[in-house]
């Protein structure tokens, strides 16, 4: 089947509830496009700071000293991957490692330079975001409610 034939077929398939497959496909495609645009906006901003998106997400998340395994959970990656992220951020002078209450647990903490970068990065990311740039405060509240409902 060609793409056009698939689209015609999807447009003609009506579910029991009366919704078309094409409607579901169209909305999903738009959601993916918005997510991709947001990801690209973020990547463009953080590259200006010499960071990868994963490194920037780590800096933004580290409001207080955190276990590396907790950061791995936030980043949705294996804890072994966080070691490389931490190494890079440490070499840039943005984080430092310190022992936790349990000596086997390593905590990451932003340095003064990391705190300064975090504040500037957060401001630039917020200003460059498609969502914050194109939607009013009221529209963002509506979007938040709709996304909560979808994730609920």
Protein backbone atom coordinates (compact mmCIF):
# COMPACT_ATOMS: atom_id res chain seq x y z
CA UNK A 1 0.00 0.00 0.00
CA UNK A 2 1.24 3.47 -0.82
CA UNK A 3 1.19 6.28 1.74
CA UNK A 4 -1.82 7.82 -0.01
CA UNK A 5 -3.69 4.51 0.10
CA UNK A 6 -2.90 4.08 3.79
CA UNK A 7 -4.15 7.62 4.51
CA UNK A 8 -7.37 7.00 2.55
CA UNK A 9 -7.88 3.74 4.39
CA UNK A 10 -7.26 5.39 7.77
CA UNK A 11 -9.69 8.17 6.88
CA UNK A 12 -12.39 5.64 6.10
CA UNK A 13 -12.00 3.44 9.20
CA UNK A 14 -14.49 4.49 11.83
CA UNK A 15 -14.24 2.99 15.30
CA UNK A 16 -17.27 1.88 17.31
CA UNK A 17 -17.24 5.23 19.11
CA UNK A 18 -17.47 7.07 15.79
CA UNK A 19 -13.91 8.39 15.86
CA UNK A 20 -11.84 7.82 12.79
CA UNK A 21 -8.43 6.28 12.71
CA UNK A 22 -7.35 9.35 10.73
CA UNK A 23 -8.36 11.62 13.61
CA UNK A 24 -6.31 9.61 16.09
CA UNK A 25 -3.39 9.50 13.67
CA UNK A 26 -3.56 13.24 13.00
CA UNK A 27 -3.64 14.18 16.68
CA UNK A 28 -0.80 11.80 17.47
CA UNK A 29 1.25 13.21 14.61
CA UNK A 30 0.70 16.75 15.92
CA UNK A 31 1.68 15.75 19.46
CA UNK A 32 4.87 14.14 18.16
CA UNK A 33 5.64 17.23 16.06
CA UNK A 34 5.22 19.53 19.07
CA UNK A 35 7.40 17.25 21.19
CA UNK A 36 10.07 17.20 18.47
CA UNK A 37 9.97 20.99 18.15
CA UNK A 38 10.33 21.34 21.93
CA UNK A 39 13.26 18.90 21.89
CA UNK A 40 14.91 20.86 19.06
CA UNK A 41 14.31 24.20 20.85
CA UNK A 42 15.95 22.77 23.97
CA UNK A 43 18.91 21.32 22.06
CA UNK A 44 19.52 24.63 20.28
CA UNK A 45 19.57 26.58 23.54
CA UNK A 46 21.79 24.18 25.47
CA UNK A 47 24.29 23.82 22.64
CA UNK A 48 24.96 27.54 23.07
CA UNK A 49 26.23 26.67 26.55
CA UNK A 50 28.43 23.86 25.21
CA UNK A 51 26.20 21.19 26.73
CA UNK A 52 24.37 18.22 25.32
CA UNK A 53 20.65 17.95 26.11
CA UNK A 54 21.35 15.18 28.65
CA UNK A 55 24.02 17.25 30.40
CA UNK A 56 21.69 20.26 30.49
CA UNK A 57 18.82 18.18 31.87
CA UNK A 58 21.15 17.00 34.63
CA UNK A 59 22.20 20.56 35.52
CA UNK A 60 18.58 21.75 35.54
CA UNK A 61 17.50 18.82 37.73
CA UNK A 62 20.24 19.20 40.34
CA UNK A 63 18.52 21.67 42.67
CA UNK A 64 20.07 19.92 45.65
CA UNK A 65 22.69 17.21 46.12
CA UNK A 66 21.30 14.05 44.55
CA UNK A 67 22.34 10.44 44.28
CA UNK A 68 23.62 9.50 40.86
CA UNK A 69 21.06 6.68 40.69
CA UNK A 70 18.26 9.23 41.25
CA UNK A 71 19.62 11.35 38.42
CA UNK A 72 19.70 8.22 36.24
CA UNK A 73 16.01 7.69 37.04
CA UNK A 74 15.22 11.27 36.04
CA UNK A 75 17.18 10.93 32.80
CA UNK A 76 15.65 7.51 32.09
CA UNK A 77 19.02 5.90 31.64
CA UNK A 78 21.21 3.32 33.29
CA UNK A 79 23.22 4.53 36.28
CA UNK A 80 26.43 3.62 34.43
CA UNK A 81 25.58 6.27 31.80
CA UNK A 82 25.35 8.94 34.48
CA UNK A 83 29.02 8.40 35.30
CA UNK A 84 30.00 9.82 31.91
CA UNK A 85 27.61 12.74 32.29
CA UNK A 86 28.97 13.45 35.78
CA UNK A 87 32.57 13.18 34.54
CA UNK A 88 31.92 15.75 31.81
CA UNK A 89 30.06 18.16 34.11
CA UNK A 90 32.79 17.79 36.72
CA UNK A 91 35.50 18.53 34.13
CA UNK A 92 33.57 21.72 33.25
CA UNK A 93 33.56 22.72 36.92
CA UNK A 94 29.76 22.54 37.14
CA UNK A 95 29.33 19.66 39.60
CA UNK A 96 31.27 17.95 42.31
CA UNK A 97 30.90 14.47 43.71
CA UNK A 98 30.61 13.88 47.41
CA UNK A 99 29.91 10.91 49.60
CA UNK A 100 26.38 10.40 50.84
CA UNK A 101 25.37 9.14 54.27
CA UNK A 102 26.06 5.69 52.91
CA UNK A 103 29.64 5.88 51.62
CA UNK A 104 28.69 3.63 48.70
CA UNK A 105 26.32 6.32 47.41
CA UNK A 106 27.86 9.18 45.47
CA UNK A 107 25.99 12.48 45.43
CA UNK A 108 26.26 15.09 42.73
CA UNK A 109 26.09 18.72 43.76
CA UNK A 110 26.26 21.84 41.64
CA UNK A 111 29.25 24.09 42.23
CA UNK A 112 28.84 27.87 42.40
CA UNK A 113 29.55 27.96 38.65
CA UNK A 114 26.95 25.23 38.15
CA UNK A 115 24.36 27.18 40.13
CA UNK A 116 24.99 30.29 38.03
CA UNK A 117 24.77 28.30 34.81
CA UNK A 118 21.59 26.56 36.01
CA UNK A 119 19.83 29.89 36.57
CA UNK A 120 20.88 31.29 33.19
CA UNK A 121 20.08 28.04 31.40
CA UNK A 122 16.62 27.84 32.97
CA UNK A 123 15.86 31.40 31.90
CA UNK A 124 17.01 30.87 28.31
CA UNK A 125 15.22 27.54 27.96
CA UNK A 126 11.97 29.09 29.21
CA UNK A 127 12.28 32.04 26.83
CA UNK A 128 13.09 29.85 23.81
CA UNK A 129 10.43 27.23 24.43
CA UNK A 130 7.77 26.90 21.76
CA UNK A 131 5.21 26.35 24.50
CA UNK A 132 6.04 29.47 26.50
CA UNK A 133 6.73 31.63 23.45
CA UNK A 134 3.56 30.83 21.51
CA UNK A 135 0.97 30.26 24.22
CA UNK A 136 -0.53 32.73 26.66
CA UNK A 137 -0.52 31.96 30.38
CA UNK A 138 -4.18 30.88 30.11
CA UNK A 139 -3.43 28.63 27.12
CA UNK A 140 -0.51 27.04 28.98
CA UNK A 141 -2.83 26.30 31.91
CA UNK A 142 -5.32 24.68 29.51
CA UNK A 143 -2.56 22.65 27.89
CA UNK A 144 -1.30 21.53 31.31
CA UNK A 145 -4.81 20.36 32.23
CA UNK A 146 -5.22 18.48 28.94
CA UNK A 147 -1.81 16.84 29.26
CA UNK A 148 -2.57 15.85 32.86
CA UNK A 149 -5.81 14.28 31.65
CA UNK A 150 -4.00 12.39 28.91
CA UNK A 151 -1.32 11.15 31.32
CA UNK A 152 -3.84 10.48 34.11
